[in-house]
Amino acid sequence: MTMALPSLAQVSDLASWVGQEIPDADPRARAVLSAASALVRAHTGQTWVDEAEALTDVPDVVSVVVVQVASRVWLNPAGLTSVTVDDATRRWGEAGATGLYLTESEKNTLADYSASGQPSDLGTVSVTRGTLGDSTIYVPTAPAPSGPPFPWYSADDLP
C-alpha cells in the first residue's frame, strides 16, 4: 500500500485563510489539503518530495494555490452554486458544484512549476484545407465572342 504524500500546505495556513480556528489534527482539514495537494501535483507533474517522501522546497505560491483550492471546499463542502434566504442570495461559480478544481488564474500561476516546462493544457491544432480547384490562369484568345480561353500559366509555376 502506498502512503499518501504529505500536503503542500499546513492546516494552520488553511485556518488563517478562512479565518477560523481549525485544530492541526482536524481530519477533514487534512483530507481537504491532501486532495488539493494531489490536484496541484497532478496538474504540475511535480511532487516536491525527496526519496523518503519528505517535503522539499515547496514554492510559496504553490502552497497558496493549495490553500485557495482547499478553502473553496472547506467553505462550501456541499458544492452549492447558490443559497437564497428571503431576499438575500449568495452565489458561487458553477465550477463549485464539481468539488475540487483549479481556476484559470491558478493554472496560470502553476504553469511555471510544470515538470514538462509547458502549461499542461497547451496543445496543437492541425488544420488543413481542401483543394482550391484548378490553379491555372486562363487568358482570352480574342475579343468576345471568341474561342475557349488559353491556359497562360499555373499558379504552381510562380516563385
N, C-alpha and C. Protein backbone atom coordinates (compact mmCIF):
# COMPACT_ATOMS: atom_id res chain seq x y z
N MET A 1 0.84 -1.18 0.00
CA MET A 1 0.00 0.00 0.00
C MET A 1 0.89 1.25 0.00
N THR A 2 0.60 2.19 -0.86
CA THR A 2 1.38 3.41 -0.96
C THR A 2 0.87 4.44 0.04
N MET A 3 1.82 5.07 0.72
CA MET A 3 1.45 6.13 1.65
C MET A 3 1.10 7.38 0.86
N ALA A 4 0.15 8.13 1.37
CA ALA A 4 -0.20 9.41 0.73
C ALA A 4 0.95 10.38 0.94
N LEU A 5 1.22 11.16 -0.09
CA LEU A 5 2.27 12.17 0.03
C LEU A 5 1.82 13.26 1.00
N PRO A 6 2.77 13.93 1.65
CA PRO A 6 2.39 14.99 2.59
C PRO A 6 1.74 16.16 1.85
N SER A 7 0.86 16.86 2.54
CA SER A 7 0.18 18.02 1.96
C SER A 7 1.18 19.13 1.68
N LEU A 8 0.90 19.91 0.65
CA LEU A 8 1.77 21.01 0.25
C LEU A 8 1.49 22.28 1.05
N ALA A 9 0.54 22.22 1.97
CA ALA A 9 0.22 23.36 2.85
C ALA A 9 -0.21 22.79 4.20
N GLN A 10 -0.16 23.62 5.20
CA GLN A 10 -0.48 23.20 6.56
C GLN A 10 -1.92 23.58 6.93
N VAL A 11 -2.45 22.87 7.93
CA VAL A 11 -3.79 23.18 8.43
C VAL A 11 -3.83 24.62 8.95
N SER A 12 -2.74 25.07 9.58
CA SER A 12 -2.71 26.44 10.09
C SER A 12 -2.82 27.47 8.95
N ASP A 13 -2.28 27.13 7.76
CA ASP A 13 -2.41 28.02 6.60
C ASP A 13 -3.87 28.13 6.17
N LEU A 14 -4.56 26.99 6.15
CA LEU A 14 -5.98 26.97 5.79
C LEU A 14 -6.79 27.76 6.82
N ALA A 15 -6.49 27.56 8.10
CA ALA A 15 -7.21 28.26 9.17
C ALA A 15 -7.05 29.77 9.03
N SER A 16 -5.84 30.22 8.75
CA SER A 16 -5.59 31.66 8.56
C SER A 16 -6.35 32.19 7.36
N TRP A 17 -6.36 31.43 6.29
CA TRP A 17 -7.00 31.87 5.05
C TRP A 17 -8.51 32.04 5.22
N VAL A 18 -9.14 31.07 5.88
CA VAL A 18 -10.60 31.11 6.03
C VAL A 18 -11.04 31.86 7.28
N GLY A 19 -10.09 32.23 8.15
CA GLY A 19 -10.43 32.99 9.35
C GLY A 19 -11.19 32.20 10.38
N GLN A 20 -10.81 30.93 10.53
CA GLN A 20 -11.46 30.07 11.51
C GLN A 20 -10.42 29.35 12.34
N GLU A 21 -10.82 28.93 13.53
CA GLU A 21 -9.96 28.09 14.37
C GLU A 21 -10.12 26.65 13.87
N ILE A 22 -9.04 26.06 13.39
CA ILE A 22 -9.08 24.67 12.93
C ILE A 22 -7.93 23.95 13.62
N PRO A 23 -8.21 22.92 14.42
CA PRO A 23 -7.14 22.17 15.07
C PRO A 23 -6.24 21.49 14.04
N ASP A 24 -4.94 21.42 14.32
CA ASP A 24 -4.00 20.79 13.39
C ASP A 24 -4.35 19.34 13.06
N ALA A 25 -4.99 18.65 13.99
CA ALA A 25 -5.34 17.24 13.78
C ALA A 25 -6.71 17.05 13.15
N ASP A 26 -7.38 18.12 12.75
CA ASP A 26 -8.73 18.00 12.18
C ASP A 26 -8.69 17.12 10.93
N PRO A 27 -9.42 15.98 10.95
CA PRO A 27 -9.34 15.04 9.83
C PRO A 27 -9.90 15.61 8.52
N ARG A 28 -10.93 16.41 8.61
CA ARG A 28 -11.49 16.99 7.38
C ARG A 28 -10.53 17.98 6.75
N ALA A 29 -9.91 18.82 7.58
CA ALA A 29 -8.94 19.79 7.07
C ALA A 29 -7.76 19.08 6.43
N ARG A 30 -7.27 18.03 7.05
CA ARG A 30 -6.16 17.27 6.49
C ARG A 30 -6.57 16.62 5.17
N ALA A 31 -7.79 16.09 5.10
CA ALA A 31 -8.27 15.44 3.87
C ALA A 31 -8.42 16.46 2.73
N VAL A 32 -8.96 17.63 3.05
CA VAL A 32 -9.14 18.66 2.03
C VAL A 32 -7.79 19.14 1.51
N LEU A 33 -6.83 19.37 2.41
CA LEU A 33 -5.50 19.80 1.98
C LEU A 33 -4.78 18.71 1.19
N SER A 34 -4.98 17.46 1.59
CA SER A 34 -4.36 16.35 0.87
C SER A 34 -4.93 16.25 -0.55
N ALA A 35 -6.25 16.40 -0.67
CA ALA A 35 -6.88 16.34 -2.00
C ALA A 35 -6.46 17.51 -2.87
N ALA A 36 -6.39 18.70 -2.29
CA ALA A 36 -5.96 19.88 -3.05
C ALA A 36 -4.50 19.72 -3.49
N SER A 37 -3.67 19.16 -2.62
CA SER A 37 -2.27 18.91 -2.97
C SER A 37 -2.16 17.91 -4.11
N ALA A 38 -2.98 16.87 -4.06
CA ALA A 38 -2.97 15.87 -5.13
C ALA A 38 -3.37 16.50 -6.46
N LEU A 39 -4.34 17.39 -6.43
CA LEU A 39 -4.78 18.08 -7.66
C LEU A 39 -3.65 18.94 -8.24
N VAL A 40 -2.97 19.68 -7.37
CA VAL A 40 -1.85 20.52 -7.82
C VAL A 40 -0.72 19.65 -8.35
N ARG A 41 -0.43 18.55 -7.68
CA ARG A 41 0.62 17.65 -8.16
C ARG A 41 0.26 17.05 -9.52
N ALA A 42 -0.99 16.67 -9.69
CA ALA A 42 -1.43 16.10 -10.97
C ALA A 42 -1.32 17.14 -12.08
N HIS A 43 -1.63 18.38 -11.77
CA HIS A 43 -1.59 19.44 -12.78
C HIS A 43 -0.15 19.78 -13.17
N THR A 44 0.75 19.81 -12.21
CA THR A 44 2.13 20.23 -12.49
C THR A 44 3.06 19.08 -12.85
N GLY A 45 2.72 17.88 -12.39
CA GLY A 45 3.64 16.76 -12.59
C GLY A 45 4.80 16.77 -11.61
N GLN A 46 4.74 17.63 -10.61
CA GLN A 46 5.77 17.73 -9.58
C GLN A 46 5.24 17.15 -8.27
N THR A 47 6.15 16.58 -7.46
CA THR A 47 5.72 16.06 -6.15
C THR A 47 6.24 16.90 -4.99
N TRP A 48 7.39 17.54 -5.16
CA TRP A 48 8.04 18.32 -4.10
C TRP A 48 8.35 17.46 -2.88
N VAL A 49 8.72 16.20 -3.11
CA VAL A 49 9.17 15.33 -2.03
C VAL A 49 10.49 14.66 -2.46
N ASP A 50 11.28 14.26 -1.45
CA ASP A 50 12.52 13.54 -1.74
C ASP A 50 12.25 12.04 -1.75
N GLU A 51 13.33 11.24 -1.79
CA GLU A 51 13.17 9.77 -1.85
C GLU A 51 12.45 9.21 -0.63
N ALA A 52 12.59 9.91 0.51
CA ALA A 52 11.93 9.47 1.74
C ALA A 52 10.51 10.03 1.85
N GLU A 53 10.03 10.67 0.80
CA GLU A 53 8.70 11.28 0.72
C GLU A 53 8.51 12.38 1.75
N ALA A 54 9.59 13.11 2.04
CA ALA A 54 9.53 14.30 2.90
C ALA A 54 9.49 15.52 1.99
N LEU A 55 8.74 16.54 2.39
CA LEU A 55 8.63 17.75 1.57
C LEU A 55 9.98 18.41 1.36
N THR A 56 10.18 18.92 0.13
CA THR A 56 11.41 19.64 -0.18
C THR A 56 11.06 20.93 -0.91
N ASP A 57 11.46 22.05 -0.36
CA ASP A 57 11.38 23.36 -1.02
C ASP A 57 10.11 23.58 -1.85
N VAL A 58 8.96 23.52 -1.21
CA VAL A 58 7.71 23.82 -1.89
C VAL A 58 7.63 25.33 -2.08
N PRO A 59 7.51 25.80 -3.34
CA PRO A 59 7.41 27.25 -3.55
C PRO A 59 6.18 27.81 -2.82
N ASP A 60 6.34 29.00 -2.25
CA ASP A 60 5.24 29.62 -1.51
C ASP A 60 3.99 29.74 -2.35
N VAL A 61 4.14 30.10 -3.62
CA VAL A 61 2.97 30.30 -4.46
C VAL A 61 2.22 28.98 -4.68
N VAL A 62 2.92 27.86 -4.69
CA VAL A 62 2.27 26.55 -4.81
C VAL A 62 1.44 26.28 -3.57
N SER A 63 1.99 26.57 -2.39
CA SER A 63 1.24 26.39 -1.15
C SER A 63 0.00 27.28 -1.12
N VAL A 64 0.13 28.50 -1.63
CA VAL A 64 -1.01 29.42 -1.67
C VAL A 64 -2.11 28.85 -2.56
N VAL A 65 -1.76 28.30 -3.71
CA VAL A 65 -2.77 27.72 -4.59
C VAL A 65 -3.46 26.54 -3.91
N VAL A 66 -2.70 25.71 -3.22
CA VAL A 66 -3.29 24.58 -2.49
C VAL A 66 -4.29 25.09 -1.46
N VAL A 67 -3.94 26.14 -0.71
CA VAL A 67 -4.84 26.70 0.29
C VAL A 67 -6.08 27.29 -0.37
N GLN A 68 -5.93 27.96 -1.50
CA GLN A 68 -7.09 28.52 -2.20
C GLN A 68 -8.05 27.42 -2.64
N VAL A 69 -7.52 26.36 -3.22
CA VAL A 69 -8.36 25.24 -3.67
C VAL A 69 -9.04 24.60 -2.47
N ALA A 70 -8.27 24.34 -1.42
CA ALA A 70 -8.83 23.70 -0.22
C ALA A 70 -9.88 24.58 0.45
N SER A 71 -9.67 25.89 0.46
CA SER A 71 -10.62 26.77 1.13
C SER A 71 -11.98 26.77 0.44
N ARG A 72 -11.99 26.63 -0.88
CA ARG A 72 -13.29 26.58 -1.58
C ARG A 72 -14.10 25.37 -1.13
N VAL A 73 -13.43 24.24 -0.94
CA VAL A 73 -14.14 23.04 -0.48
C VAL A 73 -14.45 23.15 1.01
N TRP A 74 -13.54 23.72 1.78
CA TRP A 74 -13.77 23.87 3.23
C TRP A 74 -15.00 24.74 3.50
N LEU A 75 -15.11 25.84 2.77
CA LEU A 75 -16.21 26.78 2.99
C LEU A 75 -17.52 26.37 2.30
N ASN A 76 -17.43 25.48 1.32
CA ASN A 76 -18.61 25.06 0.57
C ASN A 76 -18.54 23.54 0.35
N PRO A 77 -18.61 22.76 1.44
CA PRO A 77 -18.41 21.31 1.31
C PRO A 77 -19.49 20.61 0.49
N ALA A 78 -20.67 21.17 0.43
CA ALA A 78 -21.75 20.53 -0.32
C ALA A 78 -21.69 20.87 -1.81
N GLY A 79 -20.79 21.76 -2.20
CA GLY A 79 -20.68 22.12 -3.61
C GLY A 79 -21.88 22.90 -4.12
N LEU A 80 -22.44 23.74 -3.26
CA LEU A 80 -23.59 24.55 -3.66
C LEU A 80 -23.19 25.60 -4.69
N THR A 81 -24.12 25.94 -5.57
CA THR A 81 -23.86 27.02 -6.51
C THR A 81 -24.55 28.30 -6.08
N SER A 82 -25.60 28.17 -5.26
CA SER A 82 -26.25 29.36 -4.70
C SER A 82 -27.12 28.98 -3.51
N VAL A 83 -27.33 29.96 -2.63
CA VAL A 83 -28.22 29.80 -1.47
C VAL A 83 -29.04 31.08 -1.37
N THR A 84 -30.35 30.92 -1.19
CA THR A 84 -31.22 32.08 -1.05
C THR A 84 -31.97 31.99 0.27
N VAL A 85 -31.91 33.07 1.03
CA VAL A 85 -32.67 33.19 2.27
C VAL A 85 -33.40 34.52 2.19
N ASP A 86 -34.72 34.45 2.15
CA ASP A 86 -35.55 35.63 1.97
C ASP A 86 -35.12 36.37 0.69
N ASP A 87 -34.70 37.62 0.83
CA ASP A 87 -34.30 38.40 -0.35
C ASP A 87 -32.80 38.34 -0.64
N ALA A 88 -32.06 37.64 0.18
CA ALA A 88 -30.61 37.59 0.02
C ALA A 88 -30.19 36.30 -0.68
N THR A 89 -29.31 36.43 -1.67
CA THR A 89 -28.79 35.27 -2.40
C THR A 89 -27.27 35.33 -2.41
N ARG A 90 -26.68 34.19 -2.14
CA ARG A 90 -25.22 34.07 -2.25
C ARG A 90 -24.94 33.08 -3.37
N ARG A 91 -24.07 33.48 -4.30
CA ARG A 91 -23.74 32.61 -5.44
C ARG A 91 -22.26 32.29 -5.46
N TRP A 92 -21.99 31.05 -5.80
CA TRP A 92 -20.63 30.60 -6.07
C TRP A 92 -20.59 30.27 -7.55
N GLY A 93 -19.43 30.14 -8.09
CA GLY A 93 -19.31 29.77 -9.50
C GLY A 93 -19.86 28.38 -9.76
N GLU A 94 -20.26 28.14 -10.98
CA GLU A 94 -20.79 26.83 -11.36
C GLU A 94 -19.75 25.73 -11.13
N ALA A 95 -18.47 26.06 -11.23
CA ALA A 95 -17.43 25.06 -11.03
C ALA A 95 -17.44 24.53 -9.61
N GLY A 96 -17.99 25.29 -8.67
CA GLY A 96 -18.06 24.85 -7.28
C GLY A 96 -18.82 23.56 -7.10
N ALA A 97 -19.73 23.28 -8.00
CA ALA A 97 -20.52 22.05 -7.91
C ALA A 97 -19.68 20.82 -8.24
N THR A 98 -18.53 21.03 -8.86
CA THR A 98 -17.68 19.90 -9.25
C THR A 98 -16.71 19.48 -8.16
N GLY A 99 -16.66 20.22 -7.05
CA GLY A 99 -15.74 19.89 -5.97
C GLY A 99 -14.42 20.60 -6.14
N LEU A 100 -13.33 19.86 -6.04
CA LEU A 100 -12.00 20.45 -6.19
C LEU A 100 -11.76 20.83 -7.64
N TYR A 101 -11.23 22.02 -7.86
CA TYR A 101 -10.89 22.46 -9.22
C TYR A 101 -9.88 23.58 -9.14
N LEU A 102 -9.16 23.77 -10.22
CA LEU A 102 -8.22 24.88 -10.35
C LEU A 102 -8.85 25.92 -11.26
N THR A 103 -8.79 27.18 -10.84
CA THR A 103 -9.27 28.25 -11.71
C THR A 103 -8.23 28.49 -12.80
N GLU A 104 -8.62 29.22 -13.84
CA GLU A 104 -7.66 29.55 -14.90
C GLU A 104 -6.48 30.32 -14.33
N SER A 105 -6.76 31.24 -13.41
CA SER A 105 -5.69 32.01 -12.78
C SER A 105 -4.72 31.11 -12.02
N GLU A 106 -5.25 30.13 -11.31
CA GLU A 106 -4.40 29.20 -10.57
C GLU A 106 -3.59 28.34 -11.53
N LYS A 107 -4.19 27.90 -12.61
CA LYS A 107 -3.44 27.13 -13.62
C LYS A 107 -2.31 27.96 -14.20
N ASN A 108 -2.59 29.21 -14.47
CA ASN A 108 -1.54 30.10 -15.00
C ASN A 108 -0.42 30.28 -13.98
N THR A 109 -0.78 30.40 -12.71
CA THR A 109 0.21 30.55 -11.65
C THR A 109 1.09 29.31 -11.56
N LEU A 110 0.50 28.15 -11.71
CA LEU A 110 1.24 26.89 -11.60
C LEU A 110 2.03 26.54 -12.85
N ALA A 111 1.76 27.22 -13.96
CA ALA A 111 2.42 26.88 -15.23
C ALA A 111 3.94 26.93 -15.11
N ASP A 112 4.47 27.85 -14.32
CA ASP A 112 5.92 27.96 -14.16
C ASP A 112 6.51 26.77 -13.41
N TYR A 113 5.70 25.96 -12.77
CA TYR A 113 6.17 24.84 -11.98
C TYR A 113 5.86 23.49 -12.61
N SER A 114 5.44 23.51 -13.87
CA SER A 114 5.12 22.28 -14.57
C SER A 114 6.39 21.48 -14.84
N ALA A 115 6.35 20.18 -14.61
CA ALA A 115 7.52 19.32 -14.81
C ALA A 115 7.96 19.33 -16.27
N SER A 116 7.03 19.49 -17.19
CA SER A 116 7.37 19.48 -18.62
C SER A 116 7.87 20.83 -19.10
N GLY A 117 7.71 21.86 -18.27
CA GLY A 117 8.10 23.20 -18.69
C GLY A 117 7.05 23.85 -19.57
N GLN A 118 5.97 23.16 -19.81
CA GLN A 118 4.89 23.67 -20.64
C GLN A 118 3.62 23.73 -19.81
N PRO A 119 2.74 24.70 -20.07
CA PRO A 119 1.43 24.65 -19.42
C PRO A 119 0.74 23.35 -19.80
N SER A 120 0.07 22.72 -18.83
CA SER A 120 -0.48 21.39 -19.07
C SER A 120 -1.63 21.35 -20.06
N ASP A 121 -2.26 22.50 -20.34
CA ASP A 121 -3.37 22.46 -21.30
C ASP A 121 -2.98 23.07 -22.64
N LEU A 122 -1.66 23.13 -22.90
CA LEU A 122 -1.18 23.63 -24.16
C LEU A 122 -1.14 22.48 -25.15
N GLY A 123 -1.60 22.70 -26.35
CA GLY A 123 -1.59 21.66 -27.36
C GLY A 123 -1.44 22.25 -28.74
N THR A 124 -1.59 21.41 -29.72
CA THR A 124 -1.52 21.86 -31.11
C THR A 124 -2.83 21.51 -31.79
N VAL A 125 -3.15 22.29 -32.78
CA VAL A 125 -4.34 22.05 -33.57
C VAL A 125 -3.90 21.94 -35.02
N SER A 126 -4.19 20.82 -35.64
CA SER A 126 -3.84 20.62 -37.03
C SER A 126 -4.95 21.17 -37.91
N VAL A 127 -4.56 21.96 -38.89
CA VAL A 127 -5.56 22.50 -39.80
C VAL A 127 -5.16 22.16 -41.23
N THR A 128 -6.15 21.84 -42.03
CA THR A 128 -5.92 21.57 -43.46
C THR A 128 -7.05 22.21 -44.23
N ARG A 129 -6.80 22.44 -45.49
CA ARG A 129 -7.89 22.94 -46.32
C ARG A 129 -7.97 22.05 -47.55
N GLY A 130 -9.12 22.00 -48.11
CA GLY A 130 -9.34 21.20 -49.31
C GLY A 130 -8.69 21.86 -50.52
N THR A 131 -8.81 21.18 -51.64
CA THR A 131 -8.25 21.74 -52.87
C THR A 131 -9.00 23.00 -53.25
N LEU A 132 -8.28 23.93 -53.81
CA LEU A 132 -8.86 25.20 -54.21
C LEU A 132 -9.36 25.19 -55.65
N GLY A 133 -9.29 24.03 -56.26
CA GLY A 133 -9.72 23.95 -57.66
C GLY A 133 -8.52 24.12 -58.57
N ASP A 134 -8.82 24.33 -59.83
CA ASP A 134 -7.78 24.48 -60.85
C ASP A 134 -7.00 25.76 -60.59
N SER A 135 -5.66 25.65 -60.47
CA SER A 135 -4.84 26.82 -60.19
C SER A 135 -4.30 27.47 -61.47
N THR A 136 -4.72 26.98 -62.61
CA THR A 136 -4.24 27.52 -63.88
C THR A 136 -4.93 28.85 -64.17
N ILE A 137 -4.14 29.82 -64.66
CA ILE A 137 -4.67 31.13 -65.05
C ILE A 137 -4.94 31.10 -66.56
N TYR A 138 -6.13 31.49 -66.95
CA TYR A 138 -6.51 31.48 -68.36
C TYR A 138 -6.61 32.91 -68.88
N VAL A 139 -6.30 33.07 -70.17
CA VAL A 139 -6.45 34.37 -70.82
C VAL A 139 -7.35 34.20 -72.04
N PRO A 140 -8.07 35.24 -72.38
CA PRO A 140 -8.94 35.13 -73.57
C PRO A 140 -8.08 35.06 -74.83
N THR A 141 -8.60 34.42 -75.87
CA THR A 141 -7.85 34.29 -77.12
C THR A 141 -8.17 35.42 -78.09
N ALA A 142 -9.29 36.08 -77.90
CA ALA A 142 -9.65 37.18 -78.80
C ALA A 142 -10.79 37.94 -78.15
N PRO A 143 -11.17 39.12 -78.71
CA PRO A 143 -12.33 39.80 -78.15
C PRO A 143 -13.56 38.92 -78.22
N ALA A 144 -14.47 39.12 -77.29
CA ALA A 144 -15.69 38.31 -77.22
C ALA A 144 -16.54 38.54 -78.46
N PRO A 145 -17.30 37.66 -78.92
CA PRO A 145 -17.23 36.24 -78.60
C PRO A 145 -16.02 35.61 -79.28
N SER A 146 -15.35 34.75 -78.55
CA SER A 146 -14.14 34.12 -79.09
C SER A 146 -14.13 32.66 -78.72
N GLY A 147 -13.02 32.03 -79.02
CA GLY A 147 -12.89 30.62 -78.70
C GLY A 147 -12.62 30.42 -77.23
N PRO A 148 -12.31 29.20 -76.88
CA PRO A 148 -12.05 28.90 -75.46
C PRO A 148 -10.82 29.65 -74.96
N PRO A 149 -10.78 29.99 -73.66
CA PRO A 149 -9.61 30.67 -73.10
C PRO A 149 -8.36 29.80 -73.22
N PHE A 150 -7.23 30.46 -73.29
CA PHE A 150 -5.95 29.80 -73.45
C PHE A 150 -5.25 29.72 -72.09
N PRO A 151 -4.76 28.53 -71.67
CA PRO A 151 -4.04 28.45 -70.40
C PRO A 151 -2.70 29.17 -70.50
N TRP A 152 -2.51 30.19 -69.68
CA TRP A 152 -1.31 31.01 -69.74
C TRP A 152 -0.23 30.44 -68.82
N TYR A 153 -0.53 30.29 -67.54
CA TYR A 153 0.40 29.70 -66.61
C TYR A 153 -0.38 29.16 -65.42
N SER A 154 0.27 28.30 -64.66
CA SER A 154 -0.33 27.73 -63.46
C SER A 154 0.20 28.48 -62.25
N ALA A 155 -0.61 28.69 -61.26
CA ALA A 155 -0.17 29.34 -60.03
C ALA A 155 0.95 28.53 -59.37
N ASP A 156 1.00 27.23 -59.64
CA ASP A 156 2.07 26.37 -59.10
C ASP A 156 3.43 26.73 -59.70
N ASP A 157 3.43 27.41 -60.87
CA ASP A 157 4.68 27.77 -61.54
C ASP A 157 5.28 29.05 -60.97
N LEU A 158 4.54 29.78 -60.15
CA LEU A 158 5.03 31.06 -59.62
C LEU A 158 6.13 30.81 -58.59
N PRO A 159 7.08 31.75 -58.48
CA PRO A 159 8.15 31.57 -57.50
C PRO A 159 7.65 31.69 -56.07
